[in-house]
Amino acid sequence: MRMRFKPYARPELLASPLHAHDPMANRGHWHEVFARPGQPLHLELGCGKGGFLSQLASRHPENNYLGIDITDKVLILAKRKLEAAYAEAGIPADNVQIMSLDIERILNAFAPEDTVDRIYINFCNPWDKKAGHRKHRLTHTRQLALYRKFLAPGAEIWFKTDDDGLFEDSLAYFEEAGFQIRWMTRDLHADEPDWNIRTEHEAMFTGMGIPTKALIAVMQPADEEQVARAAEARVAAEKNLGRAMHGEG
């Protein structure tokens, strides 16, 4: 179901200290946005309604967190969930921010100086209808090459999905982009780690009997030009596959 436009969302977000009003202006200075700039910076890409982020950030004040989504109509719900989680924990919400950004253009808001230590990607759009659309996946080689530009050495990406095809393809994407899989499972809840925080989608798919696939990938030193070429080759291959599948010349 498509979420309705919320005319109150933008004004309420602009009035909130949890909302980064001008992400582009913070490029290269994200650590300075938080009360404790020296803490590790973690991102959630596609934070949605904030169920995961609100639990994670309020439990770990030793890290700084930034939740990113593209639309105010979900960020307003994330803002309210953050406020509720921190109020329940009885601590100030000074280690978390949310902002609106098209993640495919993430380098408009992040620079190498931002040194992100971890990225969370939970149940992102699999873009599986057409092969040529796979380049929009948040774990695609093309996207991973962008994240490398501001990730700290040895940074991690924590990824969860219900989609088998996306998960298997992502294993190849991570390898192409110079990441090593440190840990993975094709059924997260069969032996669920105590650190796992179940997202709303995770609960929904689990209720449907669909297992959650998960992995932790670690960025390795790599030739950035070679990674960029691998990303271009992957996009071209998927575009050609899409044409072949639809009988195009």
Protein backbone atom coordinates (compact mmCIF):
# COMPACT_ATOMS: atom_id res chain seq x y z
CA MET A 1 0.00 0.00 0.00
CA ARG A 2 1.33 3.44 -0.97
CA MET A 3 1.72 5.79 1.97
CA ARG A 4 -0.30 9.00 1.77
CA PHE A 5 1.27 12.44 1.56
CA LYS A 6 1.59 14.02 5.00
CA PRO A 7 1.48 17.84 4.76
CA TYR A 8 2.60 18.20 8.37
CA ALA A 9 5.72 16.06 7.92
CA ARG A 10 8.14 18.65 6.53
CA PRO A 11 7.34 21.42 9.05
CA GLU A 12 7.59 18.98 11.95
CA LEU A 13 10.91 17.60 10.71
CA LEU A 14 12.33 21.09 10.20
CA ALA A 15 11.41 21.92 13.80
CA SER A 16 13.18 18.84 15.17
CA PRO A 17 16.82 18.71 16.33
CA LEU A 18 16.86 15.06 15.20
CA HIS A 19 16.53 16.07 11.55
CA ALA A 20 19.50 17.12 9.44
CA HIS A 21 17.89 19.89 7.41
CA ASP A 22 20.67 20.43 4.86
CA PRO A 23 22.63 17.19 4.29
CA MET A 24 24.78 18.66 1.53
CA ALA A 25 26.12 21.32 3.91
CA ASN A 26 27.30 18.59 6.29
CA ARG A 27 29.39 16.84 3.64
CA GLY A 28 32.80 16.17 5.14
CA HIS A 29 31.62 17.30 8.59
CA TRP A 30 29.13 14.65 9.74
CA HIS A 31 31.05 13.81 12.90
CA GLU A 32 30.73 17.42 14.04
CA VAL A 33 26.93 17.19 13.94
CA PHE A 34 26.86 14.99 17.04
CA ALA A 35 27.44 15.78 20.70
CA ARG A 36 30.41 13.38 20.80
CA PRO A 37 32.21 13.75 17.45
CA GLY A 38 34.89 11.19 18.29
CA GLN A 39 32.45 8.29 18.36
CA PRO A 40 32.11 5.80 15.46
CA LEU A 41 29.57 6.84 12.84
CA HIS A 42 27.06 4.25 11.59
CA LEU A 43 24.49 4.70 8.80
CA GLU A 44 21.21 2.97 8.13
CA LEU A 45 20.38 3.22 4.43
CA GLY A 46 16.64 3.12 3.93
CA CYS A 47 15.69 3.62 7.58
CA GLY A 48 11.97 3.76 6.75
CA LYS A 49 9.70 4.22 9.76
CA GLY A 50 12.64 4.02 12.17
CA GLY A 51 11.73 0.85 14.06
CA PHE A 52 15.23 -0.59 13.75
CA LEU A 53 17.13 2.68 14.12
CA SER A 54 15.24 3.79 17.22
CA GLN A 55 16.05 0.57 19.05
CA LEU A 56 19.66 0.40 17.88
CA ALA A 57 20.65 4.01 18.55
CA SER A 58 18.98 4.28 21.96
CA ARG A 59 20.71 1.08 23.10
CA HIS A 60 24.15 2.19 21.94
CA PRO A 61 24.93 5.78 22.96
CA GLU A 62 28.62 4.97 22.41
CA ASN A 63 28.05 5.24 18.64
CA ASN A 64 26.61 7.99 16.45
CA TYR A 65 23.85 7.02 14.02
CA LEU A 66 22.44 8.57 10.87
CA GLY A 67 19.27 7.21 9.28
CA ILE A 68 18.65 7.97 5.62
CA ASP A 69 15.50 7.67 3.56
CA ILE A 70 14.17 9.45 0.52
CA THR A 71 10.81 10.71 1.72
CA ASP A 72 9.52 12.86 4.56
CA LYS A 73 6.35 10.79 4.95
CA VAL A 74 8.35 7.92 6.44
CA LEU A 75 11.00 10.05 8.15
CA ILE A 76 8.33 11.75 10.22
CA LEU A 77 7.39 8.34 11.62
CA ALA A 78 11.08 7.61 12.28
CA LYS A 79 11.42 10.90 14.13
CA ARG A 80 8.50 10.05 16.41
CA LYS A 81 9.76 6.54 17.08
CA LEU A 82 13.18 7.93 17.99
CA GLU A 83 11.63 10.40 20.41
CA ALA A 84 9.61 7.61 22.05
CA ALA A 85 12.57 5.22 22.31
CA TYR A 86 14.86 7.78 23.92
CA ALA A 87 12.15 8.95 26.28
CA GLU A 88 11.63 5.36 27.39
CA ALA A 89 15.38 4.89 27.83
CA GLY A 90 15.61 8.15 29.77
CA ILE A 91 18.60 9.45 27.82
CA PRO A 92 19.08 12.42 25.47
CA ALA A 93 18.78 11.71 21.75
CA ASP A 94 22.15 13.29 21.00
CA ASN A 95 23.73 10.41 19.07
CA VAL A 96 21.22 10.09 16.24
CA GLN A 97 20.07 12.07 13.21
CA ILE A 98 17.77 11.38 10.27
CA MET A 99 17.76 12.94 6.84
CA SER A 100 16.21 12.79 3.39
CA LEU A 101 18.50 11.76 0.54
CA ASP A 102 18.45 9.76 -2.69
CA ILE A 103 20.94 7.04 -1.74
CA GLU A 104 21.98 6.58 -5.37
CA ARG A 105 23.47 10.08 -5.08
CA ILE A 106 25.00 9.55 -1.67
CA LEU A 107 28.32 11.17 -2.58
CA ASN A 108 26.50 14.51 -2.74
CA ALA A 109 26.33 14.33 1.06
CA PHE A 110 29.38 12.27 2.08
CA ALA A 111 33.10 12.81 1.64
CA PRO A 112 36.17 10.74 2.59
CA GLU A 113 36.52 12.82 5.78
CA ASP A 114 33.22 11.42 7.08
CA THR A 115 34.84 8.01 7.82
CA VAL A 116 31.77 5.85 8.35
CA ASP A 117 32.51 2.65 10.29
CA ARG A 118 29.36 0.67 9.55
CA ILE A 119 26.40 0.62 7.20
CA TYR A 120 23.12 -1.20 7.86
CA ILE A 121 20.94 -2.21 4.89
CA ASN A 122 17.71 -3.92 5.92
CA PHE A 123 15.17 -5.40 3.49
CA CYS A 124 15.85 -2.98 0.66
CA ASN A 125 13.94 -3.04 -2.63
CA PRO A 126 15.21 -6.07 -4.60
CA TRP A 127 14.55 -4.39 -7.99
CA ASP A 128 13.97 -7.84 -9.45
CA LYS A 129 11.34 -7.15 -12.11
CA LYS A 130 13.84 -6.36 -14.87
CA ALA A 131 17.54 -7.24 -15.06
CA GLY A 132 18.39 -3.72 -16.18
CA HIS A 133 16.89 -2.29 -12.99
CA ARG A 134 19.20 -4.19 -10.64
CA LYS A 135 21.68 -1.29 -10.66
CA HIS A 136 19.29 0.46 -8.24
CA ARG A 137 19.86 -2.14 -5.52
CA LEU A 138 21.52 -0.71 -2.42
CA THR A 139 23.98 -3.64 -2.40
CA HIS A 140 24.79 -3.43 -6.10
CA THR A 141 28.46 -3.23 -7.08
CA ARG A 142 27.82 0.28 -8.36
CA GLN A 143 26.52 1.39 -4.96
CA LEU A 144 29.22 -0.42 -3.00
CA ALA A 145 31.84 1.42 -5.06
CA LEU A 146 30.26 4.70 -3.91
CA TYR A 147 30.23 3.69 -0.25
CA ARG A 148 33.93 2.86 -0.42
CA LYS A 149 34.61 6.57 -0.96
CA PHE A 150 33.67 7.44 2.63
CA LEU A 151 33.94 4.16 4.54
CA ALA A 152 36.76 3.84 7.07
CA PRO A 153 39.39 1.12 6.49
CA GLY A 154 37.94 -2.21 7.62
CA ALA A 155 34.40 -0.80 7.77
CA GLU A 156 31.47 -3.21 7.79
CA ILE A 157 28.17 -3.53 5.95
CA TRP A 158 25.43 -5.45 7.76
CA PHE A 159 22.79 -6.65 5.31
CA LYS A 160 19.46 -8.45 5.80
CA THR A 161 16.85 -9.48 3.22
CA ASP A 162 13.97 -11.85 2.63
CA ASP A 163 14.76 -12.09 -1.10
CA ASP A 164 16.79 -15.13 -2.19
CA GLY A 165 17.81 -13.69 -5.55
CA LEU A 166 18.97 -10.40 -4.08
CA PHE A 167 20.98 -12.19 -1.41
CA GLU A 168 22.76 -14.53 -3.84
CA ASP A 169 23.48 -11.67 -6.27
CA SER A 170 24.76 -9.54 -3.40
CA LEU A 171 27.38 -12.14 -2.55
CA ALA A 172 28.85 -11.52 -6.00
CA TYR A 173 28.44 -7.75 -5.68
CA PHE A 174 30.42 -7.63 -2.44
CA GLU A 175 33.24 -9.68 -3.94
CA GLU A 176 33.41 -7.46 -7.03
CA ALA A 177 33.54 -4.32 -4.87
CA GLY A 178 36.39 -5.54 -2.66
CA PHE A 179 34.47 -6.71 0.41
CA GLN A 180 35.03 -9.96 2.26
CA ILE A 181 32.09 -11.83 3.80
CA ARG A 182 32.96 -12.30 7.48
CA TRP A 183 29.70 -13.97 8.47
CA MET A 184 26.53 -15.05 6.73
CA THR A 185 23.40 -17.14 7.16
CA ARG A 186 20.45 -18.06 4.99
CA ASP A 187 18.18 -18.47 8.02
CA LEU A 188 18.92 -15.84 10.64
CA HIS A 189 16.32 -17.06 13.11
CA ALA A 190 17.42 -20.70 13.08
CA ASP A 191 20.14 -19.71 15.54
CA GLU A 192 19.43 -16.02 16.09
CA PRO A 193 22.35 -13.94 17.41
CA ASP A 194 21.62 -11.95 20.55
CA TRP A 195 22.59 -8.74 18.76
CA ASN A 196 19.88 -9.04 16.14
CA ILE A 197 17.12 -6.42 16.20
CA ARG A 198 14.11 -7.57 14.21
CA THR A 199 12.75 -4.98 11.81
CA GLU A 200 9.08 -4.58 10.92
CA HIS A 201 9.66 -6.30 7.58
CA GLU A 202 11.61 -9.04 9.29
CA ALA A 203 8.70 -9.76 11.63
CA MET A 204 6.27 -9.73 8.71
CA PHE A 205 8.27 -12.11 6.52
CA THR A 206 9.02 -14.39 9.46
CA GLY A 207 5.29 -14.62 10.11
CA MET A 208 4.87 -15.68 6.48
CA GLY A 209 7.45 -18.43 6.90
CA ILE A 210 10.10 -16.68 4.78
CA PRO A 211 13.58 -16.98 6.33
CA THR A 212 15.76 -13.91 6.74
CA LYS A 213 19.09 -14.00 4.94
CA ALA A 214 21.89 -11.95 6.52
CA LEU A 215 25.58 -11.21 6.18
CA ILE A 216 28.37 -9.00 7.49
CA ALA A 217 30.83 -7.81 4.84
CA VAL A 218 34.16 -6.14 5.63
CA MET A 219 35.80 -3.66 3.27
CA GLN A 220 39.24 -4.74 2.10
CA PRO A 221 41.99 -2.64 0.50
CA ALA A 222 41.36 -2.53 -3.25
CA ASP A 223 42.27 -0.71 -6.44
CA GLU A 224 39.43 1.83 -6.64
CA GLU A 225 39.70 2.14 -10.41
CA GLN A 226 39.37 -1.63 -10.73
CA VAL A 227 36.28 -1.57 -8.48
CA ALA A 228 34.80 1.21 -10.63
CA ARG A 229 35.42 -0.85 -13.78
CA ALA A 230 33.79 -3.88 -12.15
CA ALA A 231 30.74 -1.77 -11.34
CA GLU A 232 30.50 -0.51 -14.92
CA ALA A 233 30.88 -4.05 -16.27
CA ARG A 234 28.15 -5.33 -13.95
CA VAL A 235 25.71 -2.60 -15.02
CA ALA A 236 26.45 -3.28 -18.71
CA ALA A 237 26.04 -7.03 -18.29
CA GLU A 238 22.68 -6.65 -16.55
CA LYS A 239 21.50 -4.18 -19.18
CA ASN A 240 22.40 -6.64 -21.94
CA LEU A 241 20.69 -9.45 -20.04
CA GLY A 242 17.57 -7.36 -19.76
CA ARG A 243 17.57 -6.71 -23.50
CA ALA A 244 18.07 -10.40 -24.24
CA MET A 245 15.24 -11.40 -21.91
CA HIS A 246 12.88 -9.02 -23.70
CA GLY A 247 14.07 -9.91 -27.20
CA GLU A 248 15.60 -6.53 -27.90
CA GLY A 249 18.39 -6.10 -30.39
